[in-house]
Amino acid sequence: AGDLGAVPARMDAVHGLDAEVAGFSRISYLRAWLAQP
């Protein structure tokens, strides 16, 4: 993998893109997915 400047995903940053791609907003699912151990 190259150095792409990626950083740990944050809920506030990814939510908008996720909603655009999924076709709807799914906040509780997204929050749980990002918090999994």
PDB file of all heavy atoms in Angstrom:
ATOM      1  N   ALA A   1       0.841  -1.195   0.000  1.00  0.00           N
ATOM      2  CA  ALA A   1       0.000   0.000   0.000  1.00  0.00           C
ATOM      3  C   ALA A   1       0.874   1.241   0.000  1.00  0.00           C
ATOM      4  O   ALA A   1       1.893   1.302   0.701  1.00  0.00           O
ATOM      5  CB  ALA A   1      -0.905   0.006   1.232  1.00  0.00           C
ATOM      6  N   GLY A   2       0.483   2.231  -0.787  1.00  0.00           N
ATOM      7  CA  GLY A   2       1.193   3.495  -0.797  1.00  0.00           C
ATOM      8  C   GLY A   2       0.729   4.392   0.338  1.00  0.00           C
ATOM      9  O   GLY A   2      -0.228   4.082   1.053  1.00  0.00           O
ATOM     10  N   ASP A   3       1.397   5.506   0.508  1.00  0.00           N
ATOM     11  CA  ASP A   3       1.012   6.483   1.524  1.00  0.00           C
ATOM     12  C   ASP A   3      -0.060   7.379   0.928  1.00  0.00           C
ATOM     13  O   ASP A   3       0.223   8.288   0.145  1.00  0.00           O
ATOM     14  CB  ASP A   3       2.219   7.300   1.961  1.00  0.00           C
ATOM     15  CG  ASP A   3       1.868   8.288   3.071  1.00  0.00           C
ATOM     16  OD1 ASP A   3       0.727   8.221   3.566  1.00  0.00           O
ATOM     17  OD2 ASP A   3       2.715   9.137   3.401  1.00  0.00           O
ATOM     18  N   LEU A   4      -1.317   7.133   1.291  1.00  0.00           N
ATOM     19  CA  LEU A   4      -2.412   7.869   0.693  1.00  0.00           C
ATOM     20  C   LEU A   4      -2.957   8.965   1.598  1.00  0.00           C
ATOM     21  O   LEU A   4      -3.922   9.652   1.239  1.00  0.00           O
ATOM     22  CB  LEU A   4      -3.549   6.919   0.307  1.00  0.00           C
ATOM     23  CG  LEU A   4      -4.366   6.254   1.432  1.00  0.00           C
ATOM     24  CD1 LEU A   4      -5.632   5.644   0.839  1.00  0.00           C
ATOM     25  CD2 LEU A   4      -3.599   5.168   2.127  1.00  0.00           C
ATOM     26  N   GLY A   5      -2.380   9.128   2.772  1.00  0.00           N
ATOM     27  CA  GLY A   5      -2.847  10.181   3.660  1.00  0.00           C
ATOM     28  C   GLY A   5      -4.173   9.875   4.312  1.00  0.00           C
ATOM     29  O   GLY A   5      -4.912  10.793   4.704  1.00  0.00           O
ATOM     30  N   ALA A   6      -4.495   8.590   4.462  1.00  0.00           N
ATOM     31  CA  ALA A   6      -5.759   8.216   5.089  1.00  0.00           C
ATOM     32  C   ALA A   6      -5.664   8.402   6.596  1.00  0.00           C
ATOM     33  O   ALA A   6      -4.591   8.291   7.191  1.00  0.00           O
ATOM     34  CB  ALA A   6      -6.113   6.780   4.758  1.00  0.00           C
ATOM     35  N   VAL A   7      -6.815   8.659   7.198  1.00  0.00           N
ATOM     36  CA  VAL A   7      -6.906   8.835   8.651  1.00  0.00           C
ATOM     37  C   VAL A   7      -8.060   7.987   9.164  1.00  0.00           C
ATOM     38  O   VAL A   7      -8.920   7.542   8.388  1.00  0.00           O
ATOM     39  CB  VAL A   7      -7.140  10.322   9.013  1.00  0.00           C
ATOM     40  CG1 VAL A   7      -5.943  11.171   8.592  1.00  0.00           C
ATOM     41  CG2 VAL A   7      -8.420  10.846   8.378  1.00  0.00           C
ATOM     42  N   PRO A   8      -8.095   7.700  10.481  1.00  0.00           N
ATOM     43  CA  PRO A   8      -9.215   6.918  11.011  1.00  0.00           C
ATOM     44  C   PRO A   8     -10.563   7.554  10.670  1.00  0.00           C
ATOM     45  O   PRO A   8     -10.728   8.769  10.760  1.00  0.00           O
ATOM     46  CB  PRO A   8      -8.949   6.918  12.519  1.00  0.00           C
ATOM     47  CG  PRO A   8      -7.473   7.059  12.629  1.00  0.00           C
ATOM     48  CD  PRO A   8      -7.074   7.980  11.517  1.00  0.00           C
ATOM     49  N   ALA A   9     -11.514   6.715  10.269  1.00  0.00           N
ATOM     50  CA  ALA A   9     -12.824   7.219   9.857  1.00  0.00           C
ATOM     51  C   ALA A   9     -13.589   7.788  11.049  1.00  0.00           C
ATOM     52  O   ALA A   9     -13.544   7.237  12.141  1.00  0.00           O
ATOM     53  CB  ALA A   9     -13.628   6.106   9.195  1.00  0.00           C
ATOM     54  N   ARG A  10     -14.291   8.888  10.805  1.00  0.00           N
ATOM     55  CA  ARG A  10     -15.130   9.525  11.827  1.00  0.00           C
ATOM     56  C   ARG A  10     -16.570   9.569  11.332  1.00  0.00           C
ATOM     57  O   ARG A  10     -16.831   9.811  10.149  1.00  0.00           O
ATOM     58  CB  ARG A  10     -14.676  10.950  12.127  1.00  0.00           C
ATOM     59  CG  ARG A  10     -13.255  11.116  12.588  1.00  0.00           C
ATOM     60  CD  ARG A  10     -13.026  12.555  13.092  1.00  0.00           C
ATOM     61  NE  ARG A  10     -13.685  13.560  12.250  1.00  0.00           N
ATOM     62  CZ  ARG A  10     -13.119  14.126  11.185  1.00  0.00           C
ATOM     63  NH1 ARG A  10     -11.895  13.769  10.814  1.00  0.00           N
ATOM     64  NH2 ARG A  10     -13.783  15.030  10.482  1.00  0.00           N
ATOM     65  N   MET A  11     -17.482   9.374  12.256  1.00  0.00           N
ATOM     66  CA  MET A  11     -18.900   9.369  11.942  1.00  0.00           C
ATOM     67  C   MET A  11     -19.332  10.654  11.242  1.00  0.00           C
ATOM     68  O   MET A  11     -20.036  10.623  10.225  1.00  0.00           O
ATOM     69  CB  MET A  11     -19.698   9.165  13.236  1.00  0.00           C
ATOM     70  CG  MET A  11     -21.195   9.289  13.087  1.00  0.00           C
ATOM     71  SD  MET A  11     -21.901   7.882  12.208  1.00  0.00           S
ATOM     72  CE  MET A  11     -23.634   8.344  12.224  1.00  0.00           C
ATOM     73  N   ASP A  12     -18.917  11.800  11.757  1.00  0.00           N
ATOM     74  CA  ASP A  12     -19.368  13.067  11.192  1.00  0.00           C
ATOM     75  C   ASP A  12     -18.874  13.263   9.766  1.00  0.00           C
ATOM     76  O   ASP A  12     -19.514  13.947   8.961  1.00  0.00           O
ATOM     77  CB  ASP A  12     -18.908  14.239  12.067  1.00  0.00           C
ATOM     78  CG  ASP A  12     -17.385  14.357  12.106  1.00  0.00           C
ATOM     79  OD1 ASP A  12     -16.734  13.434  12.611  1.00  0.00           O
ATOM     80  OD2 ASP A  12     -16.858  15.378  11.626  1.00  0.00           O
ATOM     81  N   ALA A  13     -17.716  12.653   9.436  1.00  0.00           N
ATOM     82  CA  ALA A  13     -17.146  12.824   8.102  1.00  0.00           C
ATOM     83  C   ALA A  13     -17.725  11.850   7.088  1.00  0.00           C
ATOM     84  O   ALA A  13     -17.956  12.204   5.930  1.00  0.00           O
ATOM     85  CB  ALA A  13     -15.629  12.674   8.168  1.00  0.00           C
ATOM     86  N   VAL A  14     -17.959  10.592   7.485  1.00  0.00           N
ATOM     87  CA  VAL A  14     -18.366   9.570   6.516  1.00  0.00           C
ATOM     88  C   VAL A  14     -19.878   9.502   6.323  1.00  0.00           C
ATOM     89  O   VAL A  14     -20.350   8.940   5.330  1.00  0.00           O
ATOM     90  CB  VAL A  14     -17.839   8.168   6.905  1.00  0.00           C
ATOM     91  CG1 VAL A  14     -16.337   8.197   7.099  1.00  0.00           C
ATOM     92  CG2 VAL A  14     -18.525   7.630   8.151  1.00  0.00           C
ATOM     93  N   HIS A  15     -20.650  10.075   7.250  1.00  0.00           N
ATOM     94  CA  HIS A  15     -22.101   9.913   7.179  1.00  0.00           C
ATOM     95  C   HIS A  15     -22.694  10.435   5.876  1.00  0.00           C
ATOM     96  O   HIS A  15     -23.538   9.784   5.253  1.00  0.00           O
ATOM     97  CB  HIS A  15     -22.779  10.595   8.367  1.00  0.00           C
ATOM     98  CG  HIS A  15     -24.273  10.634   8.248  1.00  0.00           C
ATOM     99  ND1 HIS A  15     -24.975  11.786   7.998  1.00  0.00           N
ATOM    100  CD2 HIS A  15     -25.197   9.640   8.284  1.00  0.00           C
ATOM    101  CE1 HIS A  15     -26.264  11.503   7.914  1.00  0.00           C
ATOM    102  NE2 HIS A  15     -26.417  10.222   8.087  1.00  0.00           N
ATOM    103  N   GLY A  16     -22.264  11.597   5.434  1.00  0.00           N
ATOM    104  CA  GLY A  16     -22.832  12.163   4.207  1.00  0.00           C
ATOM    105  C   GLY A  16     -22.574  11.302   2.992  1.00  0.00           C
ATOM    106  O   GLY A  16     -23.481  11.054   2.190  1.00  0.00           O
ATOM    107  N   LEU A  17     -21.330  10.838   2.841  1.00  0.00           N
ATOM    108  CA  LEU A  17     -20.999   9.990   1.703  1.00  0.00           C
ATOM    109  C   LEU A  17     -21.738   8.665   1.781  1.00  0.00           C
ATOM    110  O   LEU A  17     -22.233   8.152   0.767  1.00  0.00           O
ATOM    111  CB  LEU A  17     -19.483   9.760   1.652  1.00  0.00           C
ATOM    112  CG  LEU A  17     -18.965   8.872   0.522  1.00  0.00           C
ATOM    113  CD1 LEU A  17     -19.349   9.423  -0.845  1.00  0.00           C
ATOM    114  CD2 LEU A  17     -17.445   8.701   0.629  1.00  0.00           C
ATOM    115  N   ASP A  18     -21.836   8.088   2.977  1.00  0.00           N
ATOM    116  CA  ASP A  18     -22.555   6.828   3.123  1.00  0.00           C
ATOM    117  C   ASP A  18     -24.014   6.974   2.716  1.00  0.00           C
ATOM    118  O   ASP A  18     -24.568   6.112   2.036  1.00  0.00           O
ATOM    119  CB  ASP A  18     -22.468   6.338   4.570  1.00  0.00           C
ATOM    120  CG  ASP A  18     -23.182   5.015   4.772  1.00  0.00           C
ATOM    121  OD1 ASP A  18     -22.654   3.983   4.318  1.00  0.00           O
ATOM    122  OD2 ASP A  18     -24.277   5.014   5.365  1.00  0.00           O
ATOM    123  N   ALA A  19     -24.645   8.078   3.122  1.00  0.00           N
ATOM    124  CA  ALA A  19     -26.049   8.298   2.766  1.00  0.00           C
ATOM    125  C   ALA A  19     -26.219   8.457   1.259  1.00  0.00           C
ATOM    126  O   ALA A  19     -27.194   7.960   0.673  1.00  0.00           O
ATOM    127  CB  ALA A  19     -26.582   9.525   3.503  1.00  0.00           C
ATOM    128  N   GLU A  20     -25.291   9.127   0.611  1.00  0.00           N
ATOM    129  CA  GLU A  20     -25.357   9.288  -0.844  1.00  0.00           C
ATOM    130  C   GLU A  20     -25.260   7.932  -1.545  1.00  0.00           C
ATOM    131  O   GLU A  20     -25.993   7.659  -2.505  1.00  0.00           O
ATOM    132  CB  GLU A  20     -24.223  10.191  -1.323  1.00  0.00           C
ATOM    133  CG  GLU A  20     -24.347  11.649  -0.923  1.00  0.00           C
ATOM    134  CD  GLU A  20     -23.124  12.444  -1.358  1.00  0.00           C
ATOM    135  OE1 GLU A  20     -22.317  11.901  -2.165  1.00  0.00           O
ATOM    136  OE2 GLU A  20     -22.972  13.582  -0.893  1.00  0.00           O
ATOM    137  N   VAL A  21     -24.360   7.090  -1.083  1.00  0.00           N
ATOM    138  CA  VAL A  21     -24.115   5.807  -1.747  1.00  0.00           C
ATOM    139  C   VAL A  21     -25.205   4.795  -1.415  1.00  0.00           C
ATOM    140  O   VAL A  21     -25.678   4.059  -2.294  1.00  0.00           O
ATOM    141  CB  VAL A  21     -22.721   5.275  -1.362  1.00  0.00           C
ATOM    142  CG1 VAL A  21     -22.522   3.858  -1.887  1.00  0.00           C
ATOM    143  CG2 VAL A  21     -21.642   6.193  -1.910  1.00  0.00           C
ATOM    144  N   ALA A  22     -25.634   4.742  -0.148  1.00  0.00           N
ATOM    145  CA  ALA A  22     -26.675   3.787   0.250  1.00  0.00           C
ATOM    146  C   ALA A  22     -28.048   4.197  -0.264  1.00  0.00           C
ATOM    147  O   ALA A  22     -28.919   3.353  -0.465  1.00  0.00           O
ATOM    148  CB  ALA A  22     -26.710   3.655   1.769  1.00  0.00           C
ATOM    149  N   GLY A  23     -28.267   5.483  -0.444  1.00  0.00           N
ATOM    150  CA  GLY A  23     -29.574   5.971  -0.896  1.00  0.00           C
ATOM    151  C   GLY A  23     -30.468   6.420   0.230  1.00  0.00           C
ATOM    152  O   GLY A  23     -31.606   6.821  -0.002  1.00  0.00           O
ATOM    153  N   PHE A  24     -29.975   6.384   1.473  1.00  0.00           N
ATOM    154  CA  PHE A  24     -30.734   6.837   2.634  1.00  0.00           C
ATOM    155  C   PHE A  24     -29.767   6.978   3.803  1.00  0.00           C
ATOM    156  O   PHE A  24     -28.644   6.462   3.770  1.00  0.00           O
ATOM    157  CB  PHE A  24     -31.867   5.865   2.995  1.00  0.00           C
ATOM    158  CG  PHE A  24     -31.394   4.495   3.378  1.00  0.00           C
ATOM    159  CD1 PHE A  24     -31.234   4.138   4.710  1.00  0.00           C
ATOM    160  CD2 PHE A  24     -31.096   3.544   2.405  1.00  0.00           C
ATOM    161  CE1 PHE A  24     -30.774   2.882   5.061  1.00  0.00           C
ATOM    162  CE2 PHE A  24     -30.642   2.280   2.750  1.00  0.00           C
ATOM    163  CZ  PHE A  24     -30.482   1.948   4.086  1.00  0.00           C
ATOM    164  N   SER A  25     -30.194   7.670   4.843  1.00  0.00           N
ATOM    165  CA  SER A  25     -29.365   7.869   6.025  1.00  0.00           C
ATOM    166  C   SER A  25     -29.599   6.740   7.022  1.00  0.00           C
ATOM    167  O   SER A  25     -30.739   6.398   7.326  1.00  0.00           O
ATOM    168  CB  SER A  25     -29.712   9.217   6.679  1.00  0.00           C
ATOM    169  OG  SER A  25     -28.998   9.392   7.875  1.00  0.00           O
ATOM    170  N   ARG A  26     -28.511   6.172   7.555  1.00  0.00           N
ATOM    171  CA  ARG A  26     -28.611   5.043   8.493  1.00  0.00           C
ATOM    172  C   ARG A  26     -27.653   5.273   9.677  1.00  0.00           C
ATOM    173  O   ARG A  26     -26.661   4.574   9.849  1.00  0.00           O
ATOM    174  CB  ARG A  26     -28.306   3.725   7.781  1.00  0.00           C
ATOM    175  CG  ARG A  26     -27.053   3.756   6.912  1.00  0.00           C
ATOM    176  CD  ARG A  26     -26.871   2.450   6.186  1.00  0.00           C
ATOM    177  NE  ARG A  26     -25.650   2.431   5.378  1.00  0.00           N
ATOM    178  CZ  ARG A  26     -25.214   1.376   4.710  1.00  0.00           C
ATOM    179  NH1 ARG A  26     -25.889   0.250   4.736  1.00  0.00           N
ATOM    180  NH2 ARG A  26     -24.095   1.435   3.994  1.00  0.00           N
ATOM    181  N   ILE A  27     -27.992   6.247  10.481  1.00  0.00           N
ATOM    182  CA  ILE A  27     -27.073   6.747  11.500  1.00  0.00           C
ATOM    183  C   ILE A  27     -26.743   5.702  12.556  1.00  0.00           C
ATOM    184  O   ILE A  27     -25.574   5.496  12.898  1.00  0.00           O
ATOM    185  CB  ILE A  27     -27.657   8.016  12.159  1.00  0.00           C
ATOM    186  CG1 ILE A  27     -27.688   9.157  11.127  1.00  0.00           C
ATOM    187  CG2 ILE A  27     -26.822   8.431  13.362  1.00  0.00           C
ATOM    188  CD1 ILE A  27     -28.358  10.414  11.630  1.00  0.00           C
ATOM    189  N   SER A  28     -27.760   5.024  13.116  1.00  0.00           N
ATOM    190  CA  SER A  28     -27.489   4.093  14.209  1.00  0.00           C
ATOM    191  C   SER A  28     -26.633   2.925  13.731  1.00  0.00           C
ATOM    192  O   SER A  28     -25.728   2.464  14.448  1.00  0.00           O
ATOM    193  CB  SER A  28     -28.797   3.575  14.818  1.00  0.00           C
ATOM    194  OG  SER A  28     -29.560   2.868  13.852  1.00  0.00           O
ATOM    195  N   TYR A  29     -26.896   2.421  12.540  1.00  0.00           N
ATOM    196  CA  TYR A  29     -26.109   1.324  11.988  1.00  0.00           C
ATOM    197  C   TYR A  29     -24.675   1.771  11.750  1.00  0.00           C
ATOM    198  O   TYR A  29     -23.714   1.081  12.103  1.00  0.00           O
ATOM    199  CB  TYR A  29     -26.766   0.855  10.692  1.00  0.00           C
ATOM    200  CG  TYR A  29     -26.114  -0.335  10.029  1.00  0.00           C
ATOM    201  CD1 TYR A  29     -25.331  -1.241  10.732  1.00  0.00           C
ATOM    202  CD2 TYR A  29     -26.306  -0.564   8.666  1.00  0.00           C
ATOM    203  CE1 TYR A  29     -24.748  -2.334  10.112  1.00  0.00           C
ATOM    204  CE2 TYR A  29     -25.735  -1.658   8.030  1.00  0.00           C
ATOM    205  CZ  TYR A  29     -24.954  -2.534   8.759  1.00  0.00           C
ATOM    206  OH  TYR A  29     -24.378  -3.606   8.143  1.00  0.00           O
ATOM    207  N   LEU A  30     -24.521   2.954  11.172  1.00  0.00           N
ATOM    208  CA  LEU A  30     -23.192   3.467  10.868  1.00  0.00           C
ATOM    209  C   LEU A  30     -22.390   3.685  12.153  1.00  0.00           C
ATOM    210  O   LEU A  30     -21.198   3.332  12.227  1.00  0.00           O
ATOM    211  CB  LEU A  30     -23.328   4.775  10.102  1.00  0.00           C
ATOM    212  CG  LEU A  30     -22.116   5.292   9.340  1.00  0.00           C
ATOM    213  CD1 LEU A  30     -21.650   4.278   8.320  1.00  0.00           C
ATOM    214  CD2 LEU A  30     -22.455   6.617   8.671  1.00  0.00           C
ATOM    215  N   ARG A  31     -23.032   4.232  13.168  1.00  0.00           N
ATOM    216  CA  ARG A  31     -22.345   4.483  14.442  1.00  0.00           C
ATOM    217  C   ARG A  31     -21.874   3.155  15.060  1.00  0.00           C
ATOM    218  O   ARG A  31     -20.743   3.052  15.528  1.00  0.00           O
ATOM    219  CB  ARG A  31     -23.275   5.222  15.398  1.00  0.00           C
ATOM    220  CG  ARG A  31     -22.609   5.594  16.719  1.00  0.00           C
ATOM    221  CD  ARG A  31     -23.555   6.366  17.618  1.00  0.00           C
ATOM    222  NE  ARG A  31     -23.870   7.677  17.074  1.00  0.00           N
ATOM    223  CZ  ARG A  31     -25.073   8.068  16.661  1.00  0.00           C
ATOM    224  NH1 ARG A  31     -26.097   7.223  16.712  1.00  0.00           N
ATOM    225  NH2 ARG A  31     -25.265   9.277  16.194  1.00  0.00           N
ATOM    226  N   ALA A  32     -22.719   2.136  15.033  1.00  0.00           N
ATOM    227  CA  ALA A  32     -22.338   0.841  15.583  1.00  0.00           C
ATOM    228  C   ALA A  32     -21.216   0.210  14.771  1.00  0.00           C
ATOM    229  O   ALA A  32     -20.296  -0.411  15.333  1.00  0.00           O
ATOM    230  CB  ALA A  32     -23.552  -0.088  15.627  1.00  0.00           C
ATOM    231  N   TRP A  33     -21.263   0.358  13.466  1.00  0.00           N
ATOM    232  CA  TRP A  33     -20.250  -0.254  12.604  1.00  0.00           C
ATOM    233  C   TRP A  33     -18.872   0.352  12.867  1.00  0.00           C
ATOM    234  O   TRP A  33     -17.868  -0.361  12.927  1.00  0.00           O
ATOM    235  CB  TRP A  33     -20.642  -0.079  11.139  1.00  0.00           C
ATOM    236  CG  TRP A  33     -19.960  -1.057  10.235  1.00  0.00           C
ATOM    237  CD1 TRP A  33     -18.944  -0.804   9.366  1.00  0.00           C
ATOM    238  CD2 TRP A  33     -20.235  -2.453  10.111  1.00  0.00           C
ATOM    239  NE1 TRP A  33     -18.566  -1.951   8.706  1.00  0.00           N
ATOM    240  CE2 TRP A  33     -19.360  -2.978   9.147  1.00  0.00           C
ATOM    241  CE3 TRP A  33     -21.161  -3.304  10.732  1.00  0.00           C
ATOM    242  CZ2 TRP A  33     -19.361  -4.319   8.787  1.00  0.00           C
ATOM    243  CZ3 TRP A  33     -21.167  -4.640  10.359  1.00  0.00           C
ATOM    244  CH2 TRP A  33     -20.272  -5.132   9.395  1.00  0.00           C
ATOM    245  N   LEU A  34     -18.829   1.663  13.046  1.00  0.00           N
ATOM    246  CA  LEU A  34     -17.550   2.326  13.279  1.00  0.00           C
ATOM    247  C   LEU A  34     -17.009   2.076  14.680  1.00  0.00           C
ATOM    248  O   LEU A  34     -15.804   2.224  14.924  1.00  0.00           O
ATOM    249  CB  LEU A  34     -17.695   3.831  13.040  1.00  0.00           C
ATOM    250  CG  LEU A  34     -17.820   4.261  11.576  1.00  0.00           C
ATOM    251  CD1 LEU A  34     -18.186   5.736  11.473  1.00  0.00           C
ATOM    252  CD2 LEU A  34     -16.536   3.980  10.810  1.00  0.00           C
ATOM    253  N   ALA A  35     -17.889   1.695  15.609  1.00  0.00           N
ATOM    254  CA  ALA A  35     -17.475   1.497  16.998  1.00  0.00           C
ATOM    255  C   ALA A  35     -17.103   0.058  17.321  1.00  0.00           C
ATOM    256  O   ALA A  35     -16.684  -0.224  18.448  1.00  0.00           O
ATOM    257  CB  ALA A  35     -18.599   1.950  17.935  1.00  0.00           C
ATOM    258  N   GLN A  36     -17.220  -0.880  16.381  1.00  0.00           N
ATOM    259  CA  GLN A  36     -17.008  -2.286  16.709  1.00  0.00           C
ATOM    260  C   GLN A  36     -15.552  -2.541  17.122  1.00  0.00           C
ATOM    261  O   GLN A  36     -14.622  -1.972  16.543  1.00  0.00           O
ATOM    262  CB  GLN A  36     -17.412  -3.190  15.548  1.00  0.00           C
ATOM    263  CG  GLN A  36     -16.686  -2.952  14.244  1.00  0.00           C
ATOM    264  CD  GLN A  36     -17.255  -3.790  13.123  1.00  0.00           C
ATOM    265  OE1 GLN A  36     -17.364  -4.998  13.231  1.00  0.00           O
ATOM    266  NE2 GLN A  36     -17.653  -3.140  12.036  1.00  0.00           N
ATOM    267  N   PRO A  37     -15.348  -3.379  18.114  1.00  0.00           N
ATOM    268  CA  PRO A  37     -13.993  -3.643  18.619  1.00  0.00           C
ATOM    269  C   PRO A  37     -13.111  -4.317  17.571  1.00  0.00           C
ATOM    270  O   PRO A  37     -13.590  -5.076  16.725  1.00  0.00           O
ATOM    271  CB  PRO A  37     -14.241  -4.594  19.803  1.00  0.00           C
ATOM    272  CG  PRO A  37     -15.676  -4.400  20.172  1.00  0.00           C
ATOM    273  CD  PRO A  37     -16.382  -4.077  18.894  1.00  0.00           C
TER     274      PRO A  37
END
